[in-house]
Amino acid sequence: MPYRRLPNTDAARLKAMKTAMLRANIDRKNSPLSAKIVYELPLLMAEFNQAVQEYNDSFDSQKNNKKEHKMLMQNCKLYVSHFMQVMNFAVLRGDFDKSIRKFYDLPVNSATLPTIQTEKQLEKWGKILVDGEQKRQLEGGKPMQNPNLSTLIGSYEKFIDSFYLQKSLQKRTANAQKKLVQIRPKIDDFIKLLWDEIEAFFEKYPPIIRREKAKSYGINYVYRKNEEKIELNDLLNFG
């Protein structure tokens, strides 16, 4: 005997409810759905559809911003790393005294540079360099060049804007996903109840006909090996 399989994706859940609602409207005078189900069906479908759409929209926005954010992050990382390298080369040439490293929270007697791999590390060191270079110039220091302070600030601010936008989009997606996860059990319970009513209404018919009528309301039956062929032959013989 074939067995019914409840939908296990959001698209399948929406399709199951939509199919039942459309079919019930066609068979309005002889619908298997109770008044309670008819009332709740469009409300729950609209609620679930909104939750699915909110999650999809949030995820798409996060995904679309991710590519640009990655590019801005790499660009900023290049400027931050290059700024520190240029500073060290200038110290090595004697253009600046090694004491300038203190403005950038770097060890005065070492040319070792910090590791910058993560967004938080880039956020930290970008701010240190911008603040340090601004302070050094205010105290009369000769401006660093290639990259200069203006270029460094522009790259850093674009990264920061993108960084916090991405965090905001991630939070929005997480909230939408949480809402979707919370509503799925309610939708699954409703679809089970909906399908129970449909099958009970067609209980008077022979199994083959009963399943065919139930399938028109969206119930999904799964056939084991050779069952579908056997059922088709039985249906033809019944006819």
Protein backbone atom coordinates (compact mmCIF):
# COMPACT_ATOMS: atom_id res chain seq x y z
CA MET A 1 0.00 0.00 0.00
CA PRO A 2 1.31 3.45 -0.86
CA TYR A 3 1.75 5.77 2.09
CA ARG A 4 1.32 9.51 2.29
CA ARG A 5 4.32 11.76 2.83
CA LEU A 6 3.95 15.13 4.49
CA PRO A 7 5.84 18.00 2.80
CA ASN A 8 9.36 18.58 4.12
CA THR A 9 10.26 21.82 2.35
CA ASP A 10 8.69 25.26 2.65
CA ALA A 11 7.78 25.29 -1.04
CA ALA A 12 6.06 21.90 -0.66
CA ARG A 13 4.17 23.10 2.43
CA LEU A 14 2.84 26.14 0.59
CA LYS A 15 1.95 24.04 -2.44
CA ALA A 16 0.03 21.55 -0.27
CA MET A 17 -2.07 24.31 1.31
CA LYS A 18 -2.61 26.16 -1.96
CA THR A 19 -3.70 22.99 -3.79
CA ALA A 20 -6.22 22.13 -1.08
CA MET A 21 -7.63 25.67 -1.01
CA LEU A 22 -8.00 25.92 -4.80
CA ARG A 23 -9.61 22.49 -5.06
CA ALA A 24 -11.97 23.23 -2.17
CA ASN A 25 -13.12 26.40 -3.98
CA ILE A 26 -13.88 24.34 -7.08
CA ASP A 27 -15.78 21.68 -5.08
CA ARG A 28 -17.40 24.21 -2.79
CA LYS A 29 -20.74 22.39 -2.55
CA ASN A 30 -19.10 19.05 -1.89
CA SER A 31 -15.83 20.01 -0.20
CA PRO A 32 -14.20 17.62 2.27
CA LEU A 33 -12.96 20.54 4.36
CA SER A 34 -14.71 21.60 7.55
CA ALA A 35 -15.73 25.20 8.15
CA LYS A 36 -12.90 25.54 10.70
CA ILE A 37 -10.28 24.36 8.19
CA VAL A 38 -11.70 26.57 5.45
CA TYR A 39 -11.43 29.57 7.76
CA GLU A 40 -7.90 28.83 9.01
CA LEU A 41 -6.37 27.67 5.72
CA PRO A 42 -5.94 31.05 3.94
CA LEU A 43 -4.86 32.77 7.19
CA LEU A 44 -2.14 30.24 7.95
CA MET A 45 -1.03 30.11 4.34
CA ALA A 46 -0.65 33.91 4.24
CA GLU A 47 1.23 33.91 7.58
CA PHE A 48 3.58 31.16 6.45
CA ASN A 49 4.10 32.67 3.00
CA GLN A 50 5.08 35.99 4.61
CA ALA A 51 7.57 34.25 6.91
CA VAL A 52 9.11 32.38 3.96
CA GLN A 53 9.30 35.56 1.88
CA GLU A 54 10.89 37.56 4.69
CA TYR A 55 13.58 34.91 5.12
CA ASN A 56 14.25 34.63 1.38
CA ASP A 57 14.47 38.42 0.99
CA SER A 58 16.80 38.75 3.98
CA PHE A 59 19.04 35.93 2.81
CA ASP A 60 19.22 37.33 -0.74
CA SER A 61 20.15 40.80 0.57
CA GLN A 62 22.86 39.30 2.77
CA LYS A 63 24.19 37.21 -0.11
CA ASN A 64 24.19 40.13 -2.56
CA ASN A 65 26.03 42.41 -0.11
CA LYS A 66 28.58 39.73 0.77
CA LYS A 67 30.38 39.95 -2.58
CA GLU A 68 30.84 43.74 -2.37
CA HIS A 69 31.72 43.51 1.31
CA LYS A 70 34.45 40.96 0.58
CA MET A 71 35.90 43.23 -2.11
CA LEU A 72 35.89 46.28 0.22
CA MET A 73 37.46 44.25 2.99
CA GLN A 74 40.29 43.04 0.75
CA ASN A 75 40.86 46.56 -0.54
CA CYS A 76 41.03 47.99 2.98
CA LYS A 77 43.31 45.18 4.13
CA LEU A 78 45.72 46.02 1.30
CA TYR A 79 45.82 49.70 2.28
CA VAL A 80 46.24 48.95 6.00
CA SER A 81 49.03 46.43 5.39
CA HIS A 82 50.71 48.63 2.82
CA PHE A 83 50.57 51.65 5.13
CA MET A 84 52.48 49.77 7.83
CA GLN A 85 55.00 48.40 5.32
CA VAL A 86 55.62 51.88 3.88
CA MET A 87 56.10 53.22 7.40
CA ASN A 88 58.68 50.53 8.15
CA PHE A 89 60.53 51.20 4.89
CA ALA A 90 60.59 54.91 5.70
CA VAL A 91 62.07 54.15 9.13
CA LEU A 92 64.62 51.85 7.48
CA ARG A 93 65.64 54.62 5.06
CA GLY A 94 65.91 57.11 7.89
CA ASP A 95 63.01 59.28 6.65
CA PHE A 96 61.28 58.77 10.03
CA ASP A 97 62.54 57.90 13.47
CA LYS A 98 61.54 54.47 14.71
CA SER A 99 59.67 56.17 17.58
CA ILE A 100 56.77 56.93 15.20
CA ARG A 101 55.71 53.30 15.57
CA LYS A 102 54.27 54.17 19.00
CA PHE A 103 51.55 56.20 17.25
CA TYR A 104 50.31 52.95 15.68
CA ASP A 105 50.56 50.74 18.80
CA LEU A 106 53.48 48.89 17.22
CA PRO A 107 56.71 47.87 19.02
CA VAL A 108 59.21 50.70 18.57
CA ASN A 109 62.25 48.44 18.13
CA SER A 110 60.68 45.88 15.81
CA ALA A 111 59.48 45.90 12.21
CA THR A 112 57.12 43.00 12.93
CA LEU A 113 53.59 43.65 11.68
CA PRO A 114 50.38 42.33 13.24
CA THR A 115 48.36 39.54 11.67
CA ILE A 116 45.23 40.83 9.96
CA GLN A 117 42.93 38.03 8.81
CA THR A 118 39.51 38.64 10.32
CA GLU A 119 37.05 41.51 10.01
CA LYS A 120 37.48 42.37 13.69
CA GLN A 121 41.27 42.53 13.31
CA LEU A 122 40.92 44.79 10.29
CA GLU A 123 38.42 46.99 12.13
CA LYS A 124 40.84 47.28 15.07
CA TRP A 125 44.04 48.00 13.13
CA GLY A 126 42.41 50.28 10.58
CA LYS A 127 41.17 52.51 13.41
CA ILE A 128 44.55 52.43 15.16
CA LEU A 129 46.35 53.55 12.01
CA VAL A 130 43.82 56.29 11.16
CA ASP A 131 43.79 57.67 14.72
CA GLY A 132 47.55 57.36 15.05
CA GLU A 133 48.35 59.11 11.77
CA GLN A 134 45.89 61.91 12.55
CA LYS A 135 47.47 62.43 15.98
CA ARG A 136 51.02 62.32 14.58
CA GLN A 137 50.22 64.94 11.93
CA LEU A 138 48.50 67.17 14.50
CA GLU A 139 51.74 67.08 16.46
CA GLY A 140 53.62 68.33 13.38
CA GLY A 141 54.68 65.03 11.87
CA LYS A 142 55.36 64.73 8.16
CA PRO A 143 52.41 63.03 6.40
CA MET A 144 52.84 59.43 5.27
CA GLN A 145 52.48 58.93 1.52
CA ASN A 146 51.39 56.11 -0.77
CA PRO A 147 48.95 55.52 0.82
CA ASN A 148 48.29 58.83 2.52
CA LEU A 149 45.86 59.45 5.37
CA SER A 150 43.00 60.49 3.10
CA THR A 151 43.24 57.29 1.05
CA LEU A 152 43.48 55.18 4.19
CA ILE A 153 40.41 56.83 5.73
CA GLY A 154 38.36 56.43 2.55
CA SER A 155 39.15 52.73 2.27
CA TYR A 156 38.59 52.12 5.98
CA GLU A 157 35.24 53.95 6.16
CA LYS A 158 33.88 52.06 3.14
CA PHE A 159 34.87 48.78 4.78
CA ILE A 160 33.32 49.77 8.12
CA ASP A 161 30.03 50.80 6.49
CA SER A 162 29.90 47.49 4.64
CA PHE A 163 30.96 45.56 7.73
CA TYR A 164 28.13 46.86 9.88
CA LEU A 165 25.63 46.57 7.05
CA GLN A 166 26.58 42.92 6.65
CA LYS A 167 26.24 42.34 10.39
CA SER A 168 22.80 43.97 10.28
CA LEU A 169 21.75 41.80 7.33
CA GLN A 170 23.03 38.67 9.07
CA LYS A 171 21.02 39.52 12.18
CA ARG A 172 17.93 40.18 10.08
CA THR A 173 18.35 36.83 8.30
CA ALA A 174 18.86 35.02 11.61
CA ASN A 175 15.67 36.56 13.04
CA ALA A 176 13.69 35.66 9.92
CA GLN A 177 15.04 32.10 10.04
CA LYS A 178 14.14 31.80 13.72
CA LYS A 179 10.58 32.93 12.97
CA LEU A 180 10.35 30.42 10.13
CA VAL A 181 11.63 27.57 12.29
CA GLN A 182 9.07 28.43 14.98
CA ILE A 183 6.10 28.44 12.61
CA ARG A 184 6.91 25.23 10.69
CA PRO A 185 5.60 22.81 13.38
CA LYS A 186 2.26 24.67 13.43
CA ILE A 187 2.03 24.44 9.65
CA ASP A 188 2.94 20.74 9.67
CA ASP A 189 0.30 19.99 12.30
CA PHE A 190 -2.28 21.89 10.27
CA ILE A 191 -1.43 20.06 7.03
CA LYS A 192 -1.70 16.72 8.85
CA LEU A 193 -5.13 17.72 10.16
CA LEU A 194 -6.11 18.97 6.71
CA TRP A 195 -5.09 15.71 5.05
CA ASP A 196 -6.80 13.65 7.76
CA GLU A 197 -10.08 15.43 6.97
CA ILE A 198 -9.68 14.90 3.24
CA GLU A 199 -8.95 11.18 3.58
CA ALA A 200 -11.80 10.72 6.05
CA PHE A 201 -14.25 12.39 3.64
CA PHE A 202 -13.30 10.00 0.82
CA GLU A 203 -13.23 6.94 3.09
CA LYS A 204 -16.41 5.56 1.44
CA TYR A 205 -14.63 5.08 -1.88
CA PRO A 206 -12.46 2.07 -2.81
CA PRO A 207 -8.77 2.60 -1.90
CA ILE A 208 -7.67 3.37 -5.44
CA ILE A 209 -10.39 5.94 -6.09
CA ARG A 210 -9.99 7.36 -2.57
CA ARG A 211 -6.33 8.07 -3.16
CA GLU A 212 -6.95 9.61 -6.57
CA LYS A 213 -9.51 11.99 -5.12
CA ALA A 214 -7.25 12.81 -2.17
CA LYS A 215 -4.34 13.51 -4.53
CA SER A 216 -6.44 16.15 -6.28
CA TYR A 217 -6.46 17.99 -2.92
CA GLY A 218 -2.68 17.90 -2.72
CA ILE A 219 -2.04 14.76 -0.67
CA ASN A 220 1.25 13.21 -1.70
CA TYR A 221 1.41 9.42 -1.83
CA VAL A 222 4.67 7.54 -2.09
CA TYR A 223 4.72 4.24 -3.87
CA ARG A 224 7.10 1.45 -3.03
CA LYS A 225 8.70 -0.57 -5.79
CA ASN A 226 6.12 -1.77 -8.39
CA GLU A 227 3.19 -0.37 -6.34
CA GLU A 228 2.43 2.43 -8.81
CA LYS A 229 2.20 -0.03 -11.73
CA ILE A 230 -0.05 -2.35 -9.74
CA GLU A 231 -2.28 0.52 -8.68
CA LEU A 232 -2.60 1.77 -12.26
CA ASN A 233 -3.65 -1.68 -13.45
CA ASP A 234 -6.19 -1.96 -10.62
CA LEU A 235 -7.57 1.46 -11.48
CA LEU A 236 -8.05 0.50 -15.13
CA ASN A 237 -9.72 -2.76 -14.13
CA PHE A 238 -11.94 -0.93 -11.65
CA GLY A 239 -12.97 1.50 -14.37
